[in-house]
N, C-alpha and C. Protein backbone atom coordinates (compact mmCIF):
# COMPACT_ATOMS: atom_id res chain seq x y z
N MET A 1 9.88 24.61 15.91
CA MET A 1 9.50 24.43 14.35
C MET A 1 8.12 24.11 14.32
N ALA A 2 7.31 24.84 13.77
CA ALA A 2 5.95 24.53 13.42
C ALA A 2 5.85 22.99 12.37
N HIS A 3 5.00 22.04 12.65
CA HIS A 3 4.53 21.40 11.59
C HIS A 3 3.57 21.70 10.73
N SER A 4 4.02 21.54 9.59
CA SER A 4 3.12 21.81 8.64
C SER A 4 2.64 20.77 7.84
N ALA A 5 1.44 20.43 7.47
CA ALA A 5 0.65 19.32 6.87
C ALA A 5 0.03 20.04 5.74
N TYR A 6 -0.40 18.98 4.76
CA TYR A 6 -1.01 19.60 3.39
C TYR A 6 -2.13 18.55 3.54
N TRP A 7 -3.49 19.00 2.86
CA TRP A 7 -4.36 18.04 2.66
C TRP A 7 -5.27 19.02 1.78
N HIS A 8 -6.06 18.07 0.79
CA HIS A 8 -7.14 18.77 0.01
C HIS A 8 -8.35 17.81 -0.08
N CYS A 9 -9.41 18.43 -0.42
CA CYS A 9 -10.55 17.53 -0.64
C CYS A 9 -10.80 17.51 -2.12
N LEU A 10 -11.21 16.24 -2.54
CA LEU A 10 -11.81 16.19 -3.78
C LEU A 10 -13.25 15.61 -3.69
N PRO A 11 -14.12 16.64 -4.05
CA PRO A 11 -15.57 16.20 -4.29
C PRO A 11 -15.83 15.22 -5.29
N VAL A 12 -16.71 14.06 -4.87
CA VAL A 12 -16.99 13.00 -5.71
C VAL A 12 -18.38 12.83 -5.93
N TYR A 13 -18.78 12.81 -7.00
CA TYR A 13 -20.53 12.87 -7.12
C TYR A 13 -20.62 11.22 -7.10
N THR A 14 -21.55 10.77 -6.25
CA THR A 14 -21.67 9.36 -6.06
C THR A 14 -23.02 8.84 -6.81
N GLY A 15 -23.69 9.86 -7.18
CA GLY A 15 -24.82 9.40 -8.07
C GLY A 15 -26.27 8.93 -7.24
N ASP A 16 -26.06 8.90 -6.00
CA ASP A 16 -26.91 8.58 -5.08
C ASP A 16 -27.76 10.03 -4.40
N PHE A 17 -29.11 10.34 -4.99
CA PHE A 17 -29.74 11.32 -4.58
C PHE A 17 -28.83 12.80 -4.94
N GLY A 18 -28.02 12.70 -5.80
CA GLY A 18 -27.50 13.99 -5.91
C GLY A 18 -26.40 14.45 -4.73
N SER A 19 -25.89 13.43 -3.96
CA SER A 19 -25.10 13.87 -2.67
C SER A 19 -23.78 13.99 -3.27
N LEU A 20 -22.97 14.55 -2.35
CA LEU A 20 -21.60 14.89 -2.69
C LEU A 20 -20.93 14.17 -1.56
N ARG A 21 -19.74 13.29 -2.12
CA ARG A 21 -19.13 12.68 -1.07
C ARG A 21 -17.75 13.48 -1.15
N ILE A 22 -17.04 13.58 0.13
CA ILE A 22 -15.71 14.16 0.22
C ILE A 22 -14.76 13.00 0.64
N VAL A 23 -13.42 12.83 -0.38
CA VAL A 23 -12.46 12.02 -0.01
C VAL A 23 -11.47 12.87 0.07
N PHE A 24 -10.67 12.74 1.23
CA PHE A 24 -9.28 13.35 1.72
C PHE A 24 -8.28 12.51 1.09
N LYS A 25 -7.30 13.41 0.48
CA LYS A 25 -6.05 13.06 0.16
C LYS A 25 -5.12 13.58 0.92
N GLY A 26 -4.09 13.20 1.17
CA GLY A 26 -2.73 13.92 2.19
C GLY A 26 -2.87 13.40 3.44
N PHE A 27 -2.98 14.58 4.14
CA PHE A 27 -2.70 14.40 5.76
C PHE A 27 -3.67 13.51 6.33
N LEU A 28 -4.97 13.51 6.19
CA LEU A 28 -6.08 12.88 6.70
C LEU A 28 -5.92 11.51 6.05
N SER A 29 -5.63 11.26 4.95
CA SER A 29 -5.46 9.97 4.27
C SER A 29 -4.24 8.98 4.62
N ASP A 30 -3.25 9.81 4.70
CA ASP A 30 -1.85 9.09 4.91
C ASP A 30 -2.04 8.04 6.19
N GLY A 31 -1.61 6.76 6.04
CA GLY A 31 -1.61 6.17 7.21
C GLY A 31 -0.10 5.46 7.30
N ILE A 32 0.23 4.93 8.45
CA ILE A 32 1.54 4.01 8.52
C ILE A 32 1.35 2.97 9.42
N ALA A 33 1.71 2.03 9.07
CA ALA A 33 1.57 0.68 9.85
C ALA A 33 3.16 0.02 10.06
N THR A 34 3.39 -0.16 11.22
CA THR A 34 4.63 -0.52 11.59
C THR A 34 4.82 -1.85 12.20
N SER A 35 5.43 -2.76 11.89
CA SER A 35 5.59 -4.18 12.66
C SER A 35 5.98 -4.06 13.96
N SER A 36 5.83 -4.88 14.85
CA SER A 36 5.99 -4.69 16.41
C SER A 36 7.58 -4.80 16.53
N ASP A 37 8.27 -5.52 15.56
CA ASP A 37 9.91 -5.43 15.80
C ASP A 37 10.43 -4.21 15.06
N GLY A 38 9.64 -3.63 14.43
CA GLY A 38 10.21 -2.33 13.70
C GLY A 38 10.73 -2.82 12.31
N THR A 39 10.87 -3.89 12.02
CA THR A 39 11.73 -4.30 10.69
C THR A 39 10.78 -3.96 9.45
N LEU A 40 9.59 -3.83 9.80
CA LEU A 40 8.67 -3.50 8.45
C LEU A 40 7.80 -2.27 8.54
N ARG A 41 7.85 -1.42 7.49
CA ARG A 41 6.84 -0.21 7.71
C ARG A 41 6.38 -0.02 6.56
N VAL A 42 4.74 0.09 6.57
CA VAL A 42 4.12 0.36 5.29
C VAL A 42 3.60 1.93 5.38
N GLU A 43 3.54 2.63 4.38
CA GLU A 43 3.14 3.83 4.42
C GLU A 43 1.99 3.80 3.12
N TYR A 44 0.72 4.15 3.50
CA TYR A 44 -0.28 3.78 2.61
C TYR A 44 -1.24 4.89 2.69
N GLU A 45 -2.22 4.70 1.60
CA GLU A 45 -3.42 5.88 1.70
C GLU A 45 -4.76 5.12 2.29
N ARG A 46 -5.09 5.45 3.19
CA ARG A 46 -6.51 4.77 4.00
C ARG A 46 -7.71 5.10 2.74
N PHE A 47 -7.63 6.17 2.25
CA PHE A 47 -8.86 6.38 1.17
C PHE A 47 -8.33 6.60 -0.18
N GLY A 48 -9.10 6.12 -1.20
CA GLY A 48 -8.71 6.19 -2.56
C GLY A 48 -10.02 6.13 -3.34
N LEU A 49 -9.86 6.55 -4.47
CA LEU A 49 -10.99 6.63 -5.59
C LEU A 49 -10.81 5.35 -6.63
N ARG A 50 -12.03 4.77 -6.90
CA ARG A 50 -12.01 3.71 -7.94
C ARG A 50 -11.25 4.36 -9.15
N ASP A 51 -10.61 3.71 -9.86
CA ASP A 51 -9.99 3.99 -11.07
C ASP A 51 -8.95 5.17 -11.18
N SER A 52 -8.49 5.46 -9.69
CA SER A 52 -7.29 6.50 -9.48
C SER A 52 -6.20 5.71 -8.71
N ASP A 53 -5.03 6.39 -9.07
CA ASP A 53 -3.72 5.77 -8.39
C ASP A 53 -3.87 5.81 -6.71
N VAL A 54 -3.28 4.89 -6.24
CA VAL A 54 -3.33 4.69 -4.70
C VAL A 54 -1.72 4.32 -4.53
N ALA A 55 -1.15 5.05 -3.94
CA ALA A 55 0.24 4.73 -3.51
C ALA A 55 0.46 4.10 -2.02
N MET A 56 1.54 3.17 -2.08
CA MET A 56 2.07 2.55 -1.01
C MET A 56 3.53 2.41 -0.90
N THR A 57 4.13 2.66 0.00
CA THR A 57 5.85 2.55 0.23
C THR A 57 6.13 1.71 1.56
N ILE A 58 6.87 0.66 0.92
CA ILE A 58 7.45 -0.31 1.98
C ILE A 58 8.73 -0.23 2.25
N ARG A 59 9.18 -0.08 3.53
CA ARG A 59 10.33 0.14 3.97
C ARG A 59 10.70 -1.07 4.95
N VAL A 60 11.87 -1.70 4.66
CA VAL A 60 12.31 -2.88 5.48
C VAL A 60 13.90 -2.65 5.69
N LYS A 61 14.04 -2.85 7.20
CA LYS A 61 15.39 -2.62 7.79
C LYS A 61 16.39 -3.83 7.09
N PRO A 62 17.65 -3.35 7.13
CA PRO A 62 18.45 -4.31 6.33
C PRO A 62 18.30 -5.74 6.68
N GLN A 63 18.42 -6.54 5.59
CA GLN A 63 18.27 -8.23 5.84
C GLN A 63 19.63 -8.84 5.18
N GLN A 64 19.58 -10.04 5.61
CA GLN A 64 20.85 -10.99 4.94
C GLN A 64 20.08 -11.83 3.90
N GLY A 65 20.92 -11.77 2.79
CA GLY A 65 20.53 -12.77 1.72
C GLY A 65 19.25 -12.19 1.03
N ARG A 66 18.51 -12.95 0.43
CA ARG A 66 17.12 -12.49 -0.18
C ARG A 66 16.25 -12.26 0.91
N PHE A 67 15.10 -11.66 0.29
CA PHE A 67 13.83 -11.43 1.41
C PHE A 67 12.69 -11.33 0.39
N THR A 68 11.68 -11.78 1.03
CA THR A 68 10.40 -11.55 0.31
C THR A 68 9.33 -10.69 1.12
N LEU A 69 8.66 -10.14 0.25
CA LEU A 69 7.49 -9.19 0.79
C LEU A 69 6.14 -9.75 0.28
N LYS A 70 5.31 -10.22 1.04
CA LYS A 70 3.78 -10.51 0.50
C LYS A 70 2.77 -9.65 0.81
N LEU A 71 1.99 -9.48 -0.08
CA LEU A 71 0.93 -8.49 -0.04
C LEU A 71 -0.26 -9.36 -0.01
N ASN A 72 -1.14 -9.64 0.85
CA ASN A 72 -2.35 -10.26 0.48
C ASN A 72 -3.68 -9.61 1.29
N GLY A 73 -4.75 -10.11 0.83
CA GLY A 73 -6.00 -9.96 1.12
C GLY A 73 -7.12 -10.50 0.47
N GLU A 74 -8.28 -10.54 0.95
CA GLU A 74 -9.33 -11.21 0.19
C GLU A 74 -9.48 -10.70 -1.12
N GLU A 75 -9.34 -9.46 -1.32
CA GLU A 75 -9.81 -8.94 -2.61
C GLU A 75 -8.47 -8.30 -3.40
N MET A 76 -7.48 -8.86 -3.35
CA MET A 76 -6.26 -8.24 -4.00
C MET A 76 -6.41 -8.18 -5.41
N GLU A 77 -7.10 -9.17 -6.06
CA GLU A 77 -7.26 -8.93 -7.45
C GLU A 77 -8.10 -7.76 -7.86
N ASN A 78 -8.68 -7.08 -6.91
CA ASN A 78 -9.40 -5.79 -7.42
C ASN A 78 -8.51 -4.53 -7.70
N PHE A 79 -6.98 -4.92 -7.45
CA PHE A 79 -6.06 -3.68 -7.40
C PHE A 79 -5.05 -4.09 -8.82
N GLN A 80 -4.80 -3.23 -9.82
CA GLN A 80 -3.95 -3.40 -10.73
C GLN A 80 -2.84 -2.73 -10.55
N ILE A 81 -1.72 -3.46 -10.42
CA ILE A 81 -0.32 -2.62 -10.07
C ILE A 81 0.07 -1.76 -11.48
N GLN A 82 0.04 -0.41 -11.01
CA GLN A 82 0.69 0.38 -12.15
C GLN A 82 1.98 0.81 -12.38
N SER A 83 2.84 0.58 -11.10
CA SER A 83 4.30 0.93 -11.02
C SER A 83 4.58 0.33 -9.84
N LEU A 84 5.85 -0.33 -9.84
CA LEU A 84 6.58 -1.31 -9.06
C LEU A 84 8.19 -1.03 -9.06
N GLN A 85 8.51 -0.17 -7.99
CA GLN A 85 9.98 0.15 -7.94
C GLN A 85 10.82 -0.19 -6.69
N PRO A 86 11.90 -0.90 -6.60
CA PRO A 86 12.55 -1.53 -7.80
C PRO A 86 11.94 -2.76 -8.44
N GLN A 87 12.48 -2.94 -9.42
CA GLN A 87 11.53 -4.33 -9.84
C GLN A 87 12.33 -5.45 -8.99
N PRO A 88 11.62 -6.54 -8.69
CA PRO A 88 12.02 -7.59 -7.77
C PRO A 88 12.74 -8.65 -8.59
N LEU A 89 13.72 -9.37 -8.09
CA LEU A 89 14.02 -10.47 -8.76
C LEU A 89 13.26 -11.66 -9.23
N GLN A 90 12.06 -11.77 -8.41
CA GLN A 90 11.01 -12.60 -8.72
C GLN A 90 9.54 -12.08 -8.29
N ALA A 91 8.43 -12.10 -9.16
CA ALA A 91 7.22 -11.86 -8.51
C ALA A 91 6.44 -12.80 -8.86
N ILE A 92 5.62 -13.27 -7.86
CA ILE A 92 4.67 -14.43 -8.03
C ILE A 92 3.34 -13.97 -7.51
N SER A 93 2.14 -14.01 -8.26
CA SER A 93 0.76 -13.86 -7.78
C SER A 93 -0.11 -15.14 -7.73
N HIS A 94 -0.80 -15.64 -6.66
CA HIS A 94 -1.49 -16.44 -6.33
C HIS A 94 -2.40 -16.66 -5.43
N ASN A 95 -3.71 -16.87 -5.29
CA ASN A 95 -4.62 -17.06 -4.31
C ASN A 95 -4.68 -15.73 -3.60
N ASN A 96 -4.93 -14.53 -4.13
CA ASN A 96 -4.94 -13.18 -3.37
C ASN A 96 -3.67 -12.87 -2.83
N THR A 97 -2.65 -13.16 -3.40
CA THR A 97 -1.21 -12.70 -2.77
C THR A 97 -0.30 -12.40 -3.80
N LEU A 98 0.30 -11.24 -3.47
CA LEU A 98 1.59 -11.00 -4.51
C LEU A 98 2.74 -11.28 -3.60
N GLU A 99 3.79 -11.90 -4.07
CA GLU A 99 5.33 -12.20 -3.48
C GLU A 99 6.20 -11.56 -4.33
N LEU A 100 6.87 -10.52 -3.76
CA LEU A 100 7.81 -9.99 -4.31
C LEU A 100 9.23 -10.27 -3.44
N THR A 101 10.38 -10.95 -4.42
CA THR A 101 11.64 -11.48 -3.80
C THR A 101 12.61 -10.47 -4.26
N TYR A 102 13.38 -10.03 -3.32
CA TYR A 102 14.52 -9.09 -3.62
C TYR A 102 15.97 -9.67 -3.05
N GLN A 103 16.85 -8.93 -3.41
CA GLN A 103 18.25 -9.52 -3.20
C GLN A 103 18.67 -8.40 -2.21
N SER A 104 19.22 -8.69 -1.00
CA SER A 104 19.54 -7.85 0.27
C SER A 104 20.71 -7.04 -0.18
N GLU A 105 21.80 -7.71 -1.00
CA GLU A 105 22.72 -6.89 -1.29
C GLU A 105 22.59 -5.52 -1.96
N SER A 106 21.45 -5.41 -2.71
CA SER A 106 21.08 -4.32 -3.65
C SER A 106 20.95 -3.01 -2.50
N PHE A 107 20.41 -3.39 -1.15
CA PHE A 107 19.85 -2.54 -0.35
C PHE A 107 20.75 -2.47 0.96
N HIS A 108 21.76 -1.54 0.77
CA HIS A 108 23.01 -1.45 1.92
C HIS A 108 22.16 -1.00 3.31
N ASP A 109 21.16 0.07 3.11
CA ASP A 109 20.68 0.72 4.31
C ASP A 109 19.31 0.23 4.66
N GLY A 110 18.83 -0.84 4.07
CA GLY A 110 17.49 -1.19 4.02
C GLY A 110 16.90 -1.13 2.70
N ALA A 111 15.80 -1.68 2.60
CA ALA A 111 15.11 -1.20 1.14
C ALA A 111 13.76 -0.56 1.41
N THR A 112 13.66 0.19 0.35
CA THR A 112 12.19 0.77 0.12
C THR A 112 11.50 0.41 -1.41
N VAL A 113 10.37 0.09 -0.98
CA VAL A 113 9.77 -0.41 -2.48
C VAL A 113 8.51 0.47 -2.66
N TRP A 114 8.44 1.10 -3.60
CA TRP A 114 7.10 1.63 -4.15
C TRP A 114 6.22 1.11 -4.99
N ILE A 115 5.06 1.11 -4.62
CA ILE A 115 4.04 0.50 -5.54
C ILE A 115 2.80 1.33 -5.78
N GLY A 116 2.50 1.73 -6.93
CA GLY A 116 1.24 2.30 -7.43
C GLY A 116 0.26 1.40 -7.84
N SER A 117 -0.89 1.60 -7.43
CA SER A 117 -1.93 0.45 -7.91
C SER A 117 -3.27 1.22 -8.21
N GLN A 118 -4.23 0.71 -8.76
CA GLN A 118 -5.43 1.33 -8.98
C GLN A 118 -6.51 0.35 -8.91
N ALA A 119 -7.57 0.68 -7.91
CA ALA A 119 -8.72 -0.15 -7.58
C ALA A 119 -9.86 -0.18 -8.82
N MET A 120 -10.13 -1.47 -9.06
CA MET A 120 -11.13 -1.47 -10.12
C MET A 120 -12.55 -1.07 -9.45
N GLU A 121 -12.77 -1.53 -8.30
CA GLU A 121 -14.04 -1.44 -7.57
C GLU A 121 -13.89 -0.72 -6.26
N PHE A 122 -14.98 -0.22 -5.73
CA PHE A 122 -15.16 0.52 -4.50
C PHE A 122 -15.44 -0.70 -3.31
N GLY A 123 -14.99 -0.39 -2.37
CA GLY A 123 -15.48 -1.10 -1.06
C GLY A 123 -14.14 -1.19 0.03
N ARG A 124 -14.48 -1.86 1.00
CA ARG A 124 -13.39 -2.04 2.20
C ARG A 124 -12.45 -3.09 1.98
N TYR A 125 -10.98 -2.67 1.93
CA TYR A 125 -10.00 -3.89 1.56
C TYR A 125 -9.03 -4.03 2.74
N PRO A 126 -9.12 -5.18 3.48
CA PRO A 126 -8.12 -5.44 4.45
C PRO A 126 -6.99 -5.86 3.76
N VAL A 127 -5.78 -5.33 4.13
CA VAL A 127 -4.35 -5.68 3.43
C VAL A 127 -3.38 -6.13 4.66
N THR A 128 -2.92 -7.41 4.34
CA THR A 128 -1.79 -7.55 5.04
C THR A 128 -0.49 -7.98 4.34
N VAL A 129 0.63 -7.21 4.78
CA VAL A 129 2.15 -7.06 4.12
C VAL A 129 2.77 -7.84 5.15
N SER A 130 3.51 -8.62 4.58
CA SER A 130 4.58 -9.56 5.54
C SER A 130 5.83 -9.57 4.88
N LEU A 131 6.94 -9.83 5.92
CA LEU A 131 8.39 -10.05 5.47
C LEU A 131 8.91 -11.36 5.76
N ASP A 132 9.07 -12.01 4.85
CA ASP A 132 9.50 -13.50 4.95
C ASP A 132 8.83 -14.31 5.96
N ASP A 133 7.67 -14.09 6.17
CA ASP A 133 6.84 -14.76 6.88
C ASP A 133 6.97 -14.73 8.25
N THR A 134 7.72 -13.76 8.66
CA THR A 134 8.36 -13.54 10.06
C THR A 134 7.55 -12.44 10.76
N THR A 135 7.27 -11.52 10.03
CA THR A 135 6.76 -10.20 10.76
C THR A 135 5.70 -9.66 9.55
N SER A 136 4.85 -8.88 10.12
CA SER A 136 3.85 -8.52 9.30
C SER A 136 2.99 -7.14 9.87
N VAL A 137 2.21 -6.63 8.94
CA VAL A 137 1.44 -5.33 9.46
C VAL A 137 0.12 -5.57 9.01
N HIS A 138 -1.05 -5.15 9.29
CA HIS A 138 -2.25 -5.12 8.85
C HIS A 138 -2.88 -3.81 8.74
N PHE A 139 -3.52 -3.45 7.53
CA PHE A 139 -4.38 -2.22 7.52
C PHE A 139 -5.50 -2.28 6.50
N THR A 140 -6.43 -1.20 6.61
CA THR A 140 -7.39 -1.26 5.64
C THR A 140 -7.56 -0.09 4.79
N GLN A 141 -7.76 -0.32 3.42
CA GLN A 141 -8.04 0.81 2.41
C GLN A 141 -9.40 0.96 2.14
N TRP A 142 -9.86 2.08 2.18
CA TRP A 142 -11.46 2.32 1.63
C TRP A 142 -11.29 3.10 0.41
N ILE A 143 -11.94 2.31 -0.59
CA ILE A 143 -12.18 3.05 -1.85
C ILE A 143 -13.55 3.66 -2.18
N TYR A 144 -13.55 4.57 -2.79
CA TYR A 144 -14.77 5.14 -3.03
C TYR A 144 -15.06 5.14 -4.54
N PRO A 145 -16.52 5.29 -4.86
CA PRO A 145 -16.58 5.37 -6.38
C PRO A 145 -16.35 6.66 -7.01
């Protein structure tokens, strides 16, 4: 069976000498980061546009009791959360860190958390997602004007 992938280009005028920048969405932009122990997996967009939605899916293997996901990076305040599903039991934001606490019994086969955010400024944004301070993944998102 052949593997089919999709992608499309979005031309974006950057304002510098009439140049045109191409930002890829889909196949070329999709990134996956998996923790070394395999309990945490993050699917994310490597490239995004300022003021456009950027999606992230966090997958966690089954846990006991409560678990906390932490998203942090030096410039996390640059991102506005547009959607978060499912809603956490508790959400705390401090020092460029967003902490989301969930009850494990709600997720029999492991948890999937969907986050839609919007970048307010362009630039390079390193991100770390950790699970209960025991395992983590690191990746970088590039936001274009």
